[in-house]
C-alpha atoms as a PDB file:
ATOM      1  CA  LEU A   1       0.073  -0.126   0.141  1.00  0.00           C
ATOM      2  CA  VAL A   2       2.689   2.467   0.678  1.00  0.00           C
ATOM      3  CA  THR A   3       4.804   1.595  -2.311  1.00  0.00           C
ATOM      4  CA  ARG A   4       1.370   2.217  -4.423  1.00  0.00           C
ATOM      5  CA  LEU A   5       0.767   5.417  -2.394  1.00  0.00           C
ATOM      6  CA  SER A   6       4.164   6.659  -2.997  1.00  0.00           C
ATOM      7  CA  LYS A   7       3.686   6.094  -7.050  1.00  0.00           C
ATOM      8  CA  GLN A   8       0.153   7.817  -6.924  1.00  0.00           C
ATOM      9  CA  HIS A   9       1.102  10.576  -4.724  1.00  0.00           C
ATOM     10  CA  PRO A  10       4.950  11.683  -5.373  1.00  0.00           C
ATOM     11  CA  HIS A  11       4.582  15.053  -3.453  1.00  0.00           C
ATOM     12  CA  SER A  12       3.447  13.013  -0.189  1.00  0.00           C
ATOM     13  CA  ALA A  13       6.759  10.094  -0.171  1.00  0.00           C
ATOM     14  CA  ALA A  14       8.436  12.320   2.109  1.00  0.00           C
ATOM     15  CA  LEU A  15       5.226  12.767   4.476  1.00  0.00           C
ATOM     16  CA  LEU A  16       4.346   9.115   4.303  1.00  0.00           C
ATOM     17  CA  LYS A  17       8.065   7.867   5.205  1.00  0.00           C
ATOM     18  CA  ALA A  18       7.739  10.469   8.238  1.00  0.00           C
ATOM     19  CA  PHE A  19       4.181   9.648   9.659  1.00  0.00           C
ATOM     20  CA  ILE A  20       4.330   5.514   8.952  1.00  0.00           C
ATOM     21  CA  PRO A  21       6.950   4.869  12.183  1.00  0.00           C
ATOM     22  CA  LEU A  22       4.449   7.076  14.184  1.00  0.00           C
ATOM     23  CA  LEU A  23       1.192   5.289  12.690  1.00  0.00           C
ATOM     24  CA  GLU A  24       3.025   2.138  13.559  1.00  0.00           C
ATOM     25  CA  ALA A  25       3.784   2.817  17.099  1.00  0.00           C
ATOM     26  CA  GLN A  26       0.492   4.152  17.922  1.00  0.00           C
ATOM     27  CA  ASN A  27      -0.776   0.609  16.523  1.00  0.00           C
ATOM     28  CA  SER A  28       1.325  -1.313  18.576  1.00  0.00           C
ATOM     29  CA  LEU A  29       0.447   0.524  21.669  1.00  0.00           C
ATOM     30  CA  ALA A  30      -3.216  -0.148  20.795  1.00  0.00           C
ATOM     31  CA  GLU A  31      -2.663  -3.753  20.433  1.00  0.00           C
ATOM     32  CA  ASP A  32       0.133  -4.765  22.854  1.00  0.00           C
ATOM     33  CA  LEU A  33      -1.052  -3.081  26.001  1.00  0.00           C
ATOM     34  CA  PRO A  34      -3.674  -4.330  28.497  1.00  0.00           C
ATOM     35  CA  PRO A  35      -7.124  -2.795  27.705  1.00  0.00           C
ATOM     36  CA  PRO A  36      -7.557   0.408  29.959  1.00  0.00           C
ATOM     37  CA  GLN A  37     -10.538   0.144  32.500  1.00  0.00           C
ATOM     38  CA  LEU A  38     -13.480   1.367  30.408  1.00  0.00           C
ATOM     39  CA  PRO A  39     -16.797   3.262  32.505  1.00  0.00           C
ATOM     40  CA  LYS A  40     -19.769   1.619  31.744  1.00  0.00           C
ATOM     41  CA  LEU A  41     -21.398   2.695  28.803  1.00  0.00           C
ATOM     42  CA  ASP A  42     -24.577   4.594  29.887  1.00  0.00           C
ATOM     43  CA  THR A  43     -27.074   3.572  27.186  1.00  0.00           C
ATOM     44  CA  SER A  44     -29.906   6.076  28.120  1.00  0.00           C
ATOM     45  CA  THR A  45     -27.754   8.948  27.614  1.00  0.00           C
ATOM     46  CA  PHE A  46     -25.713   7.471  24.787  1.00  0.00           C
ATOM     47  CA  SER A  47     -29.219   7.190  22.866  1.00  0.00           C
ATOM     48  CA  GLN A  48     -29.397  10.838  23.528  1.00  0.00           C
ATOM     49  CA  GLY A  49     -26.590  11.935  21.715  1.00  0.00           C
ATOM     50  CA  LYS A  50     -23.722  11.555  24.693  1.00  0.00           C
ATOM     51  CA  PRO A  51     -20.452   9.889  23.409  1.00  0.00           C
ATOM     52  CA  TRP A  52     -19.263   7.229  25.903  1.00  0.00           C
ATOM     53  CA  LEU A  53     -16.271   9.099  26.924  1.00  0.00           C
ATOM     54  CA  PRO A  54     -15.711  12.930  27.729  1.00  0.00           C
ATOM     55  CA  THR A  55     -12.538  13.376  26.884  1.00  0.00           C
ATOM     56  CA  ALA A  56     -11.363  15.957  28.528  1.00  0.00           C
ATOM     57  CA  ALA A  57     -12.856  14.857  32.048  1.00  0.00           C
ATOM     58  CA  LEU A  58     -11.492  11.316  31.737  1.00  0.00           C
ATOM     59  CA  ALA A  59      -8.198  11.783  30.384  1.00  0.00           C
ATOM     60  CA  PRO A  60      -5.835  11.185  33.622  1.00  0.00           C
ATOM     61  CA  SER A  61      -7.868   8.192  34.658  1.00  0.00           C
ATOM     62  CA  VAL A  62      -8.743   6.272  31.522  1.00  0.00           C
ATOM     63  CA  TYR A  63      -6.594   7.469  28.917  1.00  0.00           C
ATOM     64  CA  LEU A  64      -3.257   7.792  30.643  1.00  0.00           C
ATOM     65  CA  ASP A  65      -3.192   5.049  33.029  1.00  0.00           C
ATOM     66  CA  GLU A  66       0.170   3.416  34.074  1.00  0.00           C
ATOM     67  CA  ALA A  67       0.311   0.822  31.544  1.00  0.00           C
ATOM     68  CA  PHE A  68       0.055   3.578  28.927  1.00  0.00           C
ATOM     69  CA  LEU A  69       2.441   5.955  30.679  1.00  0.00           C
ATOM     70  CA  LYS A  70       5.286   3.563  31.249  1.00  0.00           C
ATOM     71  CA  ALA A  71       5.494   2.358  27.324  1.00  0.00           C
ATOM     72  CA  ALA A  72       4.126   5.303  24.833  1.00  0.00           C
ATOM     73  CA  PRO A  73       6.681   8.028  25.431  1.00  0.00           C
ATOM     74  CA  LYS A  74       9.755   5.770  24.573  1.00  0.00           C
ATOM     75  CA  LYS A  75       7.666   3.708  21.794  1.00  0.00           C
ATOM     76  CA  ILE A  76       6.247   7.478  20.374  1.00  0.00           C
ATOM     77  CA  SER A  77       9.676   9.359  20.822  1.00  0.00           C
ATOM     78  CA  SER A  78      11.700   6.761  19.229  1.00  0.00           C
ATOM     79  CA  ALA A  79       9.701   6.226  16.139  1.00  0.00           C
ATOM     80  CA  ALA A  80       8.973  10.209  15.621  1.00  0.00           C
ATOM     81  CA  ALA A  81      12.958  10.396  15.818  1.00  0.00           C
ATOM     82  CA  LYS A  82      13.320   7.769  13.172  1.00  0.00           C
ATOM     83  CA  GLY A  83      10.604   9.539  11.083  1.00  0.00           C
ATOM     84  CA  PHE A  84      12.097  13.188  11.450  1.00  0.00           C
ATOM     85  CA  PRO A  85      15.910  12.956  11.664  1.00  0.00           C
ATOM     86  CA  ASP A  86      16.309  16.760  11.185  1.00  0.00           C
ATOM     87  CA  ILE A  87      14.854  17.153  14.657  1.00  0.00           C
ATOM     88  CA  LYS A  88      15.721  13.764  16.364  1.00  0.00           C
ATOM     89  CA  ASP A  89      17.862  15.484  19.504  1.00  0.00           C
ATOM     90  CA  ASP A  90      14.760  17.517  20.545  1.00  0.00           C
ATOM     91  CA  ILE A  91      12.510  14.534  20.079  1.00  0.00           C
ATOM     92  CA  ARG A  92      15.119  12.356  21.952  1.00  0.00           C
ATOM     93  CA  SER A  93      15.465  14.975  24.940  1.00  0.00           C
ATOM     94  CA  ILE A  94      11.735  15.320  25.553  1.00  0.00           C
ATOM     95  CA  GLY A  95      11.171  11.744  25.112  1.00  0.00           C
ATOM     96  CA  ASN A  96      13.938  10.692  27.815  1.00  0.00           C
ATOM     97  CA  PHE A  97      12.570  13.464  29.999  1.00  0.00           C
ATOM     98  CA  LEU A  98       8.674  11.910  29.717  1.00  0.00           C
ATOM     99  CA  VAL A  99      10.138   8.380  30.282  1.00  0.00           C
ATOM    100  CA  LYS A 100      11.266   9.504  33.765  1.00  0.00           C
ATOM    101  CA  ASN A 101       8.677  11.973  34.581  1.00  0.00           C
ATOM    102  CA  TRP A 102       5.241  10.077  34.686  1.00  0.00           C
ATOM    103  CA  ALA A 103       3.719  13.091  36.136  1.00  0.00           C
ATOM    104  CA  GLU A 104       4.698  15.316  33.687  1.00  0.00           C
ATOM    105  CA  ALA A 105       3.949  13.466  30.591  1.00  0.00           C
ATOM    106  CA  ARG A 106       0.529  12.974  32.121  1.00  0.00           C
ATOM    107  CA  GLU A 107       0.251  16.596  32.185  1.00  0.00           C
ATOM    108  CA  MET A 108       1.551  17.376  28.986  1.00  0.00           C
ATOM    109  CA  ILE A 109      -0.847  14.390  26.880  1.00  0.00           C
ATOM    110  CA  ALA A 110      -3.569  15.770  29.142  1.00  0.00           C
ATOM    111  CA  TYR A 111      -3.424  19.185  27.329  1.00  0.00           C
ATOM    112  CA  GLN A 112      -3.248  17.851  24.042  1.00  0.00           C
ATOM    113  CA  LEU A 113      -6.071  15.797  24.942  1.00  0.00           C
ATOM    114  CA  LYS A 114      -8.088  18.814  26.418  1.00  0.00           C
ATOM    115  CA  GLY A 115      -7.207  20.592  23.450  1.00  0.00           C
ATOM    116  CA  GLU A 116      -5.220  23.342  25.753  1.00  0.00           C
ATOM    117  CA  MET A 117      -2.869  24.196  23.372  1.00  0.00           C
ATOM    118  CA  GLY A 118      -1.610  27.228  25.422  1.00  0.00           C
ATOM    119  CA  LYS A 119      -1.047  25.463  28.436  1.00  0.00           C
ATOM    120  CA  LEU A 120       0.785  23.042  26.266  1.00  0.00           C
ATOM    121  CA  LYS A 121       3.151  25.645  24.708  1.00  0.00           C
ATOM    122  CA  SER A 122       3.298  27.268  28.131  1.00  0.00           C
ATOM    123  CA  TRP A 123       4.408  23.503  29.439  1.00  0.00           C
ATOM    124  CA  ALA A 124       7.017  23.208  26.806  1.00  0.00           C
ATOM    125  CA  LYS A 125       8.617  26.655  27.598  1.00  0.00           C
ATOM    126  CA  ARG A 126       8.792  25.783  31.374  1.00  0.00           C
ATOM    127  CA  GLN A 127      11.036  22.737  30.899  1.00  0.00           C
ATOM    128  CA  ASN A 128      12.784  24.460  27.754  1.00  0.00           C
ATOM    129  CA  PHE A 129      11.755  22.448  25.122  1.00  0.00           C
ATOM    130  CA  ASN A 130      10.898  23.440  21.807  1.00  0.00           C
ATOM    131  CA  PRO A 131       7.238  23.895  21.293  1.00  0.00           C
ATOM    132  CA  ASP A 132       6.704  22.815  17.808  1.00  0.00           C
ATOM    133  CA  VAL A 133       8.592  19.521  18.801  1.00  0.00           C
ATOM    134  CA  THR A 134       6.664  19.313  21.706  1.00  0.00           C
ATOM    135  CA  ALA A 135       3.228  19.423  20.028  1.00  0.00           C
ATOM    136  CA  LEU A 136       4.399  16.836  17.347  1.00  0.00           C
ATOM    137  CA  LEU A 137       4.817  14.283  20.528  1.00  0.00           C
ATOM    138  CA  ALA A 138       1.672  15.446  22.413  1.00  0.00           C
ATOM    139  CA  MET A 139      -0.375  15.001  19.367  1.00  0.00           C
ATOM    140  CA  HIS A 140       1.197  11.396  18.383  1.00  0.00           C
ATOM    141  CA  LEU A 141       1.118  10.589  22.099  1.00  0.00           C
ATOM    142  CA  ALA A 142      -2.460  11.842  22.826  1.00  0.00           C
ATOM    143  CA  GLY A 143      -3.534   9.935  19.466  1.00  0.00           C
ATOM    144  CA  ALA A 144      -2.001   6.522  20.695  1.00  0.00           C
ATOM    145  CA  ALA A 145      -3.786   6.939  24.203  1.00  0.00           C
ATOM    146  CA  ALA A 146      -7.018   7.542  22.301  1.00  0.00           C
ATOM    147  CA  LYS A 147      -6.696   4.737  19.877  1.00  0.00           C
ATOM    148  CA  ARG A 148      -6.026   2.226  22.543  1.00  0.00           C
ATOM    149  CA  VAL A 149      -9.287   3.421  24.248  1.00  0.00           C
ATOM    150  CA  ALA A 150     -11.048   3.278  21.050  1.00  0.00           C
ATOM    151  CA  ARG A 151     -10.016  -0.088  20.231  1.00  0.00           C
ATOM    152  CA  ALA A 152     -10.889  -1.147  24.116  1.00  0.00           C
ATOM    153  CA  ALA A 153     -14.419   0.088  23.152  1.00  0.00           C
ATOM    154  CA  GLU A 154     -14.580  -1.649  20.190  1.00  0.00           C
ATOM    155  CA  GLN A 155     -14.995  -5.035  21.712  1.00  0.00           C
ATOM    156  CA  PHE A 156     -18.660  -4.310  23.171  1.00  0.00           C
ATOM    157  CA  SER A 157     -21.991  -3.799  21.282  1.00  0.00           C
ATOM    158  CA  MET A 158     -22.677  -0.314  20.857  1.00  0.00           C
ATOM    159  CA  PRO A 159     -25.940   0.813  20.346  1.00  0.00           C
ATOM    160  CA  LYS A 160     -26.978   2.460  17.113  1.00  0.00           C
ATOM    161  CA  TRP A 161     -25.391   5.908  16.125  1.00  0.00           C
ATOM    162  CA  GLU A 162     -26.188   8.510  14.164  1.00  0.00           C
ATOM    163  CA  ARG A 163     -24.392  11.611  14.978  1.00  0.00           C
ATOM    164  CA  SER A 164     -21.750  13.302  13.201  1.00  0.00           C
ATOM    165  CA  TYR A 165     -19.407  13.272  16.095  1.00  0.00           C
ATOM    166  CA  CYS A 166     -17.706  10.400  17.473  1.00  0.00           C
ATOM    167  CA  PRO A 167     -19.630   8.076  19.527  1.00  0.00           C
ATOM    168  CA  VAL A 168     -16.517   6.845  21.819  1.00  0.00           C
ATOM    169  CA  CYS A 169     -14.989  10.362  22.547  1.00  0.00           C
ATOM    170  CA  GLY A 170     -17.052  13.178  21.142  1.00  0.00           C
ATOM    171  CA  ASN A 171     -14.610  14.490  18.672  1.00  0.00           C
ATOM    172  CA  ARG A 172     -15.044  15.906  14.958  1.00  0.00           C
ATOM    173  CA  PRO A 173     -14.505  13.177  12.242  1.00  0.00           C
ATOM    174  CA  HIS A 174     -11.436  13.879   9.850  1.00  0.00           C
ATOM    175  CA  GLY A 175     -12.048  11.680   6.958  1.00  0.00           C
ATOM    176  CA  SER A 176     -14.568   9.505   5.320  1.00  0.00           C
ATOM    177  CA  SER A 177     -14.633   6.218   3.262  1.00  0.00           C
ATOM    178  CA  LEU A 178     -16.838   4.430   0.982  1.00  0.00           C
ATOM    179  CA  LYS A 179     -17.265   0.641   1.429  1.00  0.00           C
ATOM    180  CA  SER A 180     -19.108  -2.359   0.333  1.00  0.00           C
ATOM    181  CA  LYS A 181     -20.854  -2.956  -2.593  1.00  0.00           C
ATOM    182  CA  GLU A 182     -23.866  -0.331  -1.379  1.00  0.00           C
ATOM    183  CA  GLY A 183     -21.148   1.957  -0.963  1.00  0.00           C
ATOM    184  CA  GLN A 184     -21.694   2.637   2.730  1.00  0.00           C
ATOM    185  CA  ARG A 185     -19.964   5.936   4.075  1.00  0.00           C
ATOM    186  CA  PHE A 186     -17.927   5.718   7.663  1.00  0.00           C
ATOM    187  CA  LEU A 187     -16.751   8.391   9.203  1.00  0.00           C
ATOM    188  CA  GLN A 188     -13.204   8.140  11.076  1.00  0.00           C
ATOM    189  CA  CYS A 189     -12.697  10.215  14.291  1.00  0.00           C
ATOM    190  CA  SER A 190      -9.646  12.855  13.953  1.00  0.00           C
ATOM    191  CA  LEU A 191      -8.525  11.857  17.390  1.00  0.00           C
ATOM    192  CA  CYS A 192      -9.096   7.965  18.477  1.00  0.00           C
ATOM    193  CA  ARG A 193      -9.623   6.814  14.941  1.00  0.00           C
ATOM    194  CA  HIS A 194     -13.194   4.906  15.402  1.00  0.00           C
ATOM    195  CA  GLU A 195     -15.142   4.609  12.705  1.00  0.00           C
ATOM    196  CA  TRP A 196     -18.793   4.661  12.629  1.00  0.00           C
ATOM    197  CA  ARG A 197     -21.480   4.439  10.048  1.00  0.00           C
ATOM    198  CA  PHE A 198     -23.111   7.869   8.783  1.00  0.00           C
ATOM    199  CA  SER A 199     -25.430   8.878   5.673  1.00  0.00           C
ATOM    200  CA  ARG A 200     -23.876   9.767   2.512  1.00  0.00           C
ATOM    201  CA  THR A 201     -26.338  12.573   1.941  1.00  0.00           C
ATOM    202  CA  THR A 202     -25.805  14.548   5.353  1.00  0.00           C
ATOM    203  CA  CYS A 203     -23.322  17.059   6.099  1.00  0.00           C
ATOM    204  CA  PRO A 204     -20.586  15.689   8.735  1.00  0.00           C
ATOM    205  CA  VAL A 205     -20.676  18.874  10.843  1.00  0.00           C
ATOM    206  CA  CYS A 206     -23.874  20.669  10.500  1.00  0.00           C
ATOM    207  CA  GLU A 207     -26.375  17.248   9.667  1.00  0.00           C
ATOM    208  CA  GLN A 208     -28.484  19.240   7.016  1.00  0.00           C
ATOM    209  CA  ASP A 209     -29.235  17.048   4.363  1.00  0.00           C
ATOM    210  CA  SER A 210     -30.077  18.822   1.300  1.00  0.00           C
ATOM    211  CA  PRO A 211     -28.236  17.508  -1.746  1.00  0.00           C
ATOM    212  CA  GLN A 212     -27.966  20.501  -3.695  1.00  0.00           C
ATOM    213  CA  ASP A 213     -25.787  22.391  -0.677  1.00  0.00           C
ATOM    214  CA  LEU A 214     -23.251  19.328  -0.241  1.00  0.00           C
ATOM    215  CA  PRO A 215     -20.989  19.749  -3.126  1.00  0.00           C
ATOM    216  CA  LEU A 216     -18.241  17.226  -4.091  1.00  0.00           C
ATOM    217  CA  TYR A 217     -14.729  18.187  -5.326  1.00  0.00           C
ATOM    218  CA  PHE A 218     -12.371  15.981  -6.867  1.00  0.00           C
ATOM    219  CA  LEU A 219      -8.720  16.194  -8.704  1.00  0.00           C
ATOM    220  CA  GLU A 220      -8.791  15.180 -12.246  1.00  0.00           C
ATOM    221  CA  GLU A 221      -6.679  12.413 -12.257  1.00  0.00           C
ATOM    222  CA  LYS A 222      -7.920  10.741  -8.775  1.00  0.00           C
ATOM    223  CA  LYS A 223     -11.391  10.958  -8.737  1.00  0.00           C
ATOM    224  CA  PHE A 224     -11.159   7.984  -6.026  1.00  0.00           C
ATOM    225  CA  GLU A 225     -10.277  10.665  -3.944  1.00  0.00           C
ATOM    226  CA  ARG A 226     -12.840  13.439  -2.489  1.00  0.00           C
ATOM    227  CA  ALA A 227     -13.525  16.312  -0.616  1.00  0.00           C
ATOM    228  CA  GLU A 228     -17.247  16.096   0.462  1.00  0.00           C
ATOM    229  CA  ALA A 229     -18.375  20.005   1.322  1.00  0.00           C
ATOM    230  CA  CYS A 230     -21.569  21.429   2.944  1.00  0.00           C
ATOM    231  CA  SER A 231     -22.110  25.174   1.169  1.00  0.00           C
ATOM    232  CA  ARG A 232     -24.120  26.008   4.319  1.00  0.00           C
ATOM    233  CA  CYS A 233     -21.834  25.749   7.464  1.00  0.00           C
ATOM    234  CA  LYS A 234     -18.648  26.250   5.004  1.00  0.00           C
ATOM    235  CA  HIS A 235     -17.109  22.849   6.179  1.00  0.00           C
ATOM    236  CA  PHE A 236     -15.636  19.808   4.264  1.00  0.00           C
ATOM    237  CA  ILE A 237     -13.987  16.240   4.959  1.00  0.00           C
ATOM    238  CA  LEU A 238     -11.819  14.685   2.701  1.00  0.00           C
ATOM    239  CA  GLY A 239     -13.074  11.239   1.566  1.00  0.00           C
ATOM    240  CA  VAL A 240     -11.834   7.810  -0.086  1.00  0.00           C
ATOM    241  CA  ASP A 241     -14.098   5.442  -2.091  1.00  0.00           C
ATOM    242  CA  MET A 242     -12.111   2.392  -1.006  1.00  0.00           C
ATOM    243  CA  ARG A 243     -14.261   0.588  -3.326  1.00  0.00           C
ATOM    244  CA  GLU A 244     -12.012   2.054  -5.966  1.00  0.00           C
ATOM    245  CA  MET A 245      -9.292   0.837  -4.217  1.00  0.00           C
ATOM    246  CA  LEU A 246     -10.183  -3.315  -4.269  1.00  0.00           C
ATOM    247  CA  ASP A 247      -8.749  -2.940  -0.429  1.00  0.00           C
ATOM    248  CA  GLU A 248     -11.424  -2.312   1.885  1.00  0.00           C
ATOM    249  CA  ASP A 249      -8.949  -2.776   4.042  1.00  0.00           C
ATOM    250  CA  ALA A 250      -6.834  -0.179   3.619  1.00  0.00           C
ATOM    251  CA  ILE A 251      -5.404   2.571   5.851  1.00  0.00           C
ATOM    252  CA  LEU A 252      -8.072   5.660   5.793  1.00  0.00           C
ATOM    253  CA  GLU A 253      -4.946   7.654   7.463  1.00  0.00           C
ATOM    254  CA  LEU A 254      -2.279   6.904   4.825  1.00  0.00           C
ATOM    255  CA  TYR A 255      -4.770   8.266   1.992  1.00  0.00           C
ATOM    256  CA  LEU A 256      -5.496  11.235   4.229  1.00  0.00           C
ATOM    257  CA  ILE A 257      -2.132  12.201   4.436  1.00  0.00           C
ATOM    258  CA  CYS A 258      -1.584  12.127   0.463  1.00  0.00           C
ATOM    259  CA  MET A 259      -4.440  14.574  -0.101  1.00  0.00           C
ATOM    260  CA  LEU A 260      -2.698  17.418   1.138  1.00  0.00           C
ATOM    261  CA  PRO A 261      -3.491  19.215  -2.299  1.00  0.00           C
ATOM    262  CA  LEU A 262      -7.353  18.726  -2.372  1.00  0.00           C
ATOM    263  CA  ASP A 263      -7.179  20.006   1.642  1.00  0.00           C
ATOM    264  CA  ILE A 264      -5.610  23.377  -0.134  1.00  0.00           C
ATOM    265  CA  LEU A 265      -7.825  23.373  -2.677  1.00  0.00           C
ATOM    266  CA  MET A 266     -10.829  23.410  -0.422  1.00  0.00           C
ATOM    267  CA  GLU A 267      -9.211  26.099   2.328  1.00  0.00           C
ATOM    268  CA  ASP A 268      -8.783  28.305  -0.809  1.00  0.00           C
ATOM    269  CA  LYS A 269     -12.245  27.959  -1.454  1.00  0.00           C
ATOM    270  CA  GLY A 270     -13.016  29.157   1.836  1.00  0.00           C
ATOM    271  CA  TYR A 271     -14.004  25.962   4.018  1.00  0.00           C
ATOM    272  CA  SER A 272     -12.878  24.660   6.777  1.00  0.00           C
ATOM    273  CA  PRO A 273     -11.770  21.194   7.649  1.00  0.00           C
ATOM    274  CA  ALA A 274     -14.541  19.393  10.063  1.00  0.00           C
ATOM    275  CA  ALA A 275     -12.115  18.322  12.373  1.00  0.00           C
ATOM    276  CA  SER A 276     -11.847  22.012  13.164  1.00  0.00           C
ATOM    277  CA  ALA A 277     -15.722  22.375  13.711  1.00  0.00           C
ATOM    278  CA  GLY A 278     -16.684  23.388  17.246  1.00  0.00           C
END
């Protein structure tokens, strides 16, 4: 898949090379660590649109338990140093500090999970770390923590969910895919990467369903990749028709890395990513 994507998207080959070690490290943590202890799903509030886990409130107790904090900083920082050799010294300095200081690691990752970017930047300055490198590590550590939680949640049967935000953690989607002969649409969470089925004819932000207000945009040479837009709320989401790939198990995250030109096109047209919606 990686070789095929690099040939199809030569402009993204370097990005793929950089991010693949991080994705592999995240998946390894989600699969190899013991599952976290999840609170019981409240089916009554879930049916009313409340996600299973409120990310910010449960960050320390569910997402950042001892098993994760023991393993994740070393694995993620090693992967980041491999993917981004130009900043490997900064990455290793931060990683070594997090390995030795669990409380600081919990605080740093919790800021990312809660979207408190100002506090994360202040944390980096307080430790004399490069804020940009800190943000890179925090993003992938938070992603690893959330992905592990989502994998655990997926072992249980969740009631039907028809909302445009993630049923596990409540975050907005960052991508969509079409699968199966019927072309069922699935949204993927921007944080935990959980996927859930969602109507093809509904905006994944404002949930309006007027066809004339839901234009699709393509690059001429890659019509299996699309931007699904909404002219009412002015948001868009990148999507891939996996049926065209003949591989419904292809990794959506890798395709999204390659779709930067389409992302730029949509922002030039005045649309904002669905994941950025409040």
